[in-house]
Amino acid sequence: MSARPHRGFTLIEVLVALTIVAITLAAGIKAAGALTNNSQRLSEVTSAQWCADNTLTNLRLSKGFPSVGDGDFACEQLGRTFPGKLVVRPTPNPNFRRVDAQVFDESGHVLISVSTVVPRL
C-alpha cells in the first residue's frame, strides 16, 4: 500500500490567512467610520455656511448701515439650531463696514466664518 500525500492547509497557513483577513476588515471598518464622520462634518459645515450666508444676505437686503460692534444670532437649518456671532468692524474708508458672521457648533467651536463688506447706501 502506498502512502497518500496529505491535502489541505496546515494550521499555520490557516492562522496567517485569518490574520490577514482580520487586519483587512479592521482597516475597512476604520475607513467606513472615517467616512461617516466626514459626512456628518460636511453636513454641519454646509448648514453653518447657509446660516452665515442667510444672515449676511438679510443684512445687505435691509439696506441699513450696520453699527460697529458684536451681536448674536441663531439660525435653524435642517432641524438644528446653530448659534452665531455677527462682528461689525470699521474699515479705512468710512463708507464701508466689514462684517464677519461666525457660526458655532454645540461645544462653541467655530464651524465657519464668512466675511463681507457692506457699503453705506
C-alpha atoms as a PDB file:
ATOM      1  CA  MET A   1       0.000   0.000   0.000  1.00  0.00           C
ATOM      2  CA  SER A   2       1.381   3.414  -0.942  1.00  0.00           C
ATOM      3  CA  ALA A   3       1.197   6.418   1.360  1.00  0.00           C
ATOM      4  CA  ARG A   4      -1.272   9.048   0.322  1.00  0.00           C
ATOM      5  CA  PRO A   5       0.024  12.645   0.334  1.00  0.00           C
ATOM      6  CA  HIS A   6      -1.847  14.937   2.738  1.00  0.00           C
ATOM      7  CA  ARG A   7      -4.009  17.522   1.102  1.00  0.00           C
ATOM      8  CA  GLY A   8      -5.234  20.778   2.611  1.00  0.00           C
ATOM      9  CA  PHE A   9      -3.765  23.601   4.649  1.00  0.00           C
ATOM     10  CA  THR A  10      -1.634  23.453   7.730  1.00  0.00           C
ATOM     11  CA  LEU A  11      -2.727  25.188  10.905  1.00  0.00           C
ATOM     12  CA  ILE A  12      -0.084  27.897  10.428  1.00  0.00           C
ATOM     13  CA  GLU A  13      -1.355  28.693   6.927  1.00  0.00           C
ATOM     14  CA  VAL A  14      -4.925  28.989   8.187  1.00  0.00           C
ATOM     15  CA  LEU A  15      -3.876  31.270  11.047  1.00  0.00           C
ATOM     16  CA  VAL A  16      -1.882  33.515   8.705  1.00  0.00           C
ATOM     17  CA  ALA A  17      -4.853  33.760   6.328  1.00  0.00           C
ATOM     18  CA  LEU A  18      -7.223  34.603   9.215  1.00  0.00           C
ATOM     19  CA  THR A  19      -4.811  37.271  10.483  1.00  0.00           C
ATOM     20  CA  ILE A  20      -4.678  38.892   7.050  1.00  0.00           C
ATOM     21  CA  VAL A  21      -8.471  38.849   6.794  1.00  0.00           C
ATOM     22  CA  ALA A  22      -8.835  40.342  10.301  1.00  0.00           C
ATOM     23  CA  ILE A  23      -6.389  43.173   9.560  1.00  0.00           C
ATOM     24  CA  THR A  24      -8.145  43.936   6.279  1.00  0.00           C
ATOM     25  CA  LEU A  25     -11.582  44.010   7.930  1.00  0.00           C
ATOM     26  CA  ALA A  26     -10.315  46.252  10.743  1.00  0.00           C
ATOM     27  CA  ALA A  27      -8.884  48.711   8.207  1.00  0.00           C
ATOM     28  CA  GLY A  28     -12.169  48.663   6.273  1.00  0.00           C
ATOM     29  CA  ILE A  29     -14.218  49.354   9.404  1.00  0.00           C
ATOM     30  CA  LYS A  30     -11.895  52.215  10.364  1.00  0.00           C
ATOM     31  CA  ALA A  31     -12.204  53.723   6.871  1.00  0.00           C
ATOM     32  CA  ALA A  32     -16.006  53.410   6.951  1.00  0.00           C
ATOM     33  CA  GLY A  33     -16.070  55.157  10.343  1.00  0.00           C
ATOM     34  CA  ALA A  34     -13.922  57.994   8.998  1.00  0.00           C
ATOM     35  CA  LEU A  35     -16.248  58.396   6.010  1.00  0.00           C
ATOM     36  CA  THR A  36     -19.253  58.593   8.343  1.00  0.00           C
ATOM     37  CA  ASN A  37     -17.550  61.261  10.479  1.00  0.00           C
ATOM     38  CA  ASN A  38     -16.560  63.231   7.376  1.00  0.00           C
ATOM     39  CA  SER A  39     -20.128  63.046   6.081  1.00  0.00           C
ATOM     40  CA  GLN A  40     -21.512  64.407   9.353  1.00  0.00           C
ATOM     41  CA  ARG A  41     -18.886  67.168   9.403  1.00  0.00           C
ATOM     42  CA  LEU A  42     -19.717  68.129   5.818  1.00  0.00           C
ATOM     43  CA  SER A  43     -23.416  68.328   6.690  1.00  0.00           C
ATOM     44  CA  GLU A  44     -22.672  70.538   9.711  1.00  0.00           C
ATOM     45  CA  VAL A  45     -20.368  72.872   7.797  1.00  0.00           C
ATOM     46  CA  THR A  46     -22.811  73.143   4.879  1.00  0.00           C
ATOM     47  CA  SER A  47     -25.670  74.048   7.225  1.00  0.00           C
ATOM     48  CA  ALA A  48     -23.447  76.569   9.010  1.00  0.00           C
ATOM     49  CA  GLN A  49     -22.495  78.076   5.635  1.00  0.00           C
ATOM     50  CA  TRP A  50     -26.174  78.525   4.797  1.00  0.00           C
ATOM     51  CA  CYS A  51     -26.759  80.198   8.177  1.00  0.00           C
ATOM     52  CA  ALA A  52     -23.898  82.637   7.695  1.00  0.00           C
ATOM     53  CA  ASP A  53     -24.870  83.397   4.105  1.00  0.00           C
ATOM     54  CA  ASN A  54     -28.522  83.951   5.059  1.00  0.00           C
ATOM     55  CA  THR A  55     -27.567  86.300   7.904  1.00  0.00           C
ATOM     56  CA  LEU A  56     -25.272  88.376   5.704  1.00  0.00           C
ATOM     57  CA  THR A  57     -27.829  88.457   2.895  1.00  0.00           C
ATOM     58  CA  ASN A  58     -30.512  89.687   5.319  1.00  0.00           C
ATOM     59  CA  LEU A  59     -28.128  92.402   6.452  1.00  0.00           C
ATOM     60  CA  ARG A  60     -27.496  93.524   2.858  1.00  0.00           C
ATOM     61  CA  LEU A  61     -31.208  93.404   1.977  1.00  0.00           C
ATOM     62  CA  SER A  62     -32.132  95.552   4.966  1.00  0.00           C
ATOM     63  CA  LYS A  63     -30.194  98.359   3.225  1.00  0.00           C
ATOM     64  CA  GLY A  64     -29.099  99.672   6.604  1.00  0.00           C
ATOM     65  CA  PHE A  65     -25.577 100.618   7.530  1.00  0.00           C
ATOM     66  CA  PRO A  66     -24.598  98.373  10.452  1.00  0.00           C
ATOM     67  CA  SER A  67     -23.147  99.953  13.565  1.00  0.00           C
ATOM     68  CA  VAL A  68     -19.760  98.798  14.786  1.00  0.00           C
ATOM     69  CA  GLY A  69     -19.960  96.093  17.433  1.00  0.00           C
ATOM     70  CA  ASP A  70     -20.767  92.455  18.084  1.00  0.00           C
ATOM     71  CA  GLY A  71     -24.146  90.772  18.058  1.00  0.00           C
ATOM     72  CA  ASP A  72     -25.502  87.263  18.454  1.00  0.00           C
ATOM     73  CA  PHE A  73     -27.875  85.423  16.173  1.00  0.00           C
ATOM     74  CA  ALA A  74     -29.348  81.958  15.867  1.00  0.00           C
ATOM     75  CA  CYS A  75     -30.246  80.113  12.720  1.00  0.00           C
ATOM     76  CA  GLU A  76     -32.146  76.896  12.119  1.00  0.00           C
ATOM     77  CA  GLN A  77     -31.118  74.629   9.269  1.00  0.00           C
ATOM     78  CA  LEU A  78     -32.151  71.017   8.680  1.00  0.00           C
ATOM     79  CA  GLY A  79     -33.827  70.802  12.084  1.00  0.00           C
ATOM     80  CA  ARG A  80     -30.794  72.061  14.026  1.00  0.00           C
ATOM     81  CA  THR A  81     -30.249  75.428  15.625  1.00  0.00           C
ATOM     82  CA  PHE A  82     -26.834  76.976  15.147  1.00  0.00           C
ATOM     83  CA  PRO A  83     -25.660  79.831  17.378  1.00  0.00           C
ATOM     84  CA  GLY A  84     -23.750  82.603  15.673  1.00  0.00           C
ATOM     85  CA  LYS A  85     -21.973  85.879  16.188  1.00  0.00           C
ATOM     86  CA  LEU A  86     -22.050  88.905  13.907  1.00  0.00           C
ATOM     87  CA  VAL A  87     -18.911  91.062  14.186  1.00  0.00           C
ATOM     88  CA  VAL A  88     -19.017  94.521  12.560  1.00  0.00           C
ATOM     89  CA  ARG A  89     -15.753  96.438  12.247  1.00  0.00           C
ATOM     90  CA  PRO A  90     -14.877  99.768  10.612  1.00  0.00           C
ATOM     91  CA  THR A  91     -12.711  99.935   7.507  1.00  0.00           C
ATOM     92  CA  PRO A  92     -10.237 102.626   6.441  1.00  0.00           C
ATOM     93  CA  ASN A  93     -12.993 104.005   4.207  1.00  0.00           C
ATOM     94  CA  PRO A  94     -15.821 105.272   6.465  1.00  0.00           C
ATOM     95  CA  ASN A  95     -18.407 104.402   3.800  1.00  0.00           C
ATOM     96  CA  PHE A  96     -17.820 100.671   4.270  1.00  0.00           C
ATOM     97  CA  ARG A  97     -18.012  98.216   7.164  1.00  0.00           C
ATOM     98  CA  ARG A  98     -16.507  94.761   7.385  1.00  0.00           C
ATOM     99  CA  VAL A  99     -18.984  92.196   8.675  1.00  0.00           C
ATOM    100  CA  ASP A 100     -17.987  88.696   9.829  1.00  0.00           C
ATOM    101  CA  ALA A 101     -20.604  86.038  10.511  1.00  0.00           C
ATOM    102  CA  GLN A 102     -19.270  83.225  12.688  1.00  0.00           C
ATOM    103  CA  VAL A 103     -21.342  80.086  13.215  1.00  0.00           C
ATOM    104  CA  PHE A 104     -20.596  77.709  16.099  1.00  0.00           C
ATOM    105  CA  ASP A 105     -21.313  74.086  16.946  1.00  0.00           C
ATOM    106  CA  GLU A 106     -22.826  72.903  20.241  1.00  0.00           C
ATOM    107  CA  SER A 107     -19.467  72.954  22.009  1.00  0.00           C
ATOM    108  CA  GLY A 108     -18.719  76.549  20.963  1.00  0.00           C
ATOM    109  CA  HIS A 109     -16.134  75.790  18.282  1.00  0.00           C
ATOM    110  CA  VAL A 110     -16.283  77.882  15.120  1.00  0.00           C
ATOM    111  CA  LEU A 111     -17.692  75.826  12.257  1.00  0.00           C
ATOM    112  CA  ILE A 112     -17.341  78.571   9.678  1.00  0.00           C
ATOM    113  CA  SER A 113     -16.610  82.258   9.404  1.00  0.00           C
ATOM    114  CA  VAL A 114     -17.848  84.271   6.418  1.00  0.00           C
ATOM    115  CA  SER A 115     -16.879  87.891   5.760  1.00  0.00           C
ATOM    116  CA  THR A 116     -18.329  90.626   3.596  1.00  0.00           C
ATOM    117  CA  VAL A 117     -18.123  94.372   3.168  1.00  0.00           C
ATOM    118  CA  VAL A 118     -21.315  96.413   3.475  1.00  0.00           C
ATOM    119  CA  PRO A 119     -21.462  99.856   1.821  1.00  0.00           C
ATOM    120  CA  ARG A 120     -23.291 102.931   3.093  1.00  0.00           C
ATOM    121  CA  LEU A 121     -26.290 103.477   0.832  1.00  0.00           C
END
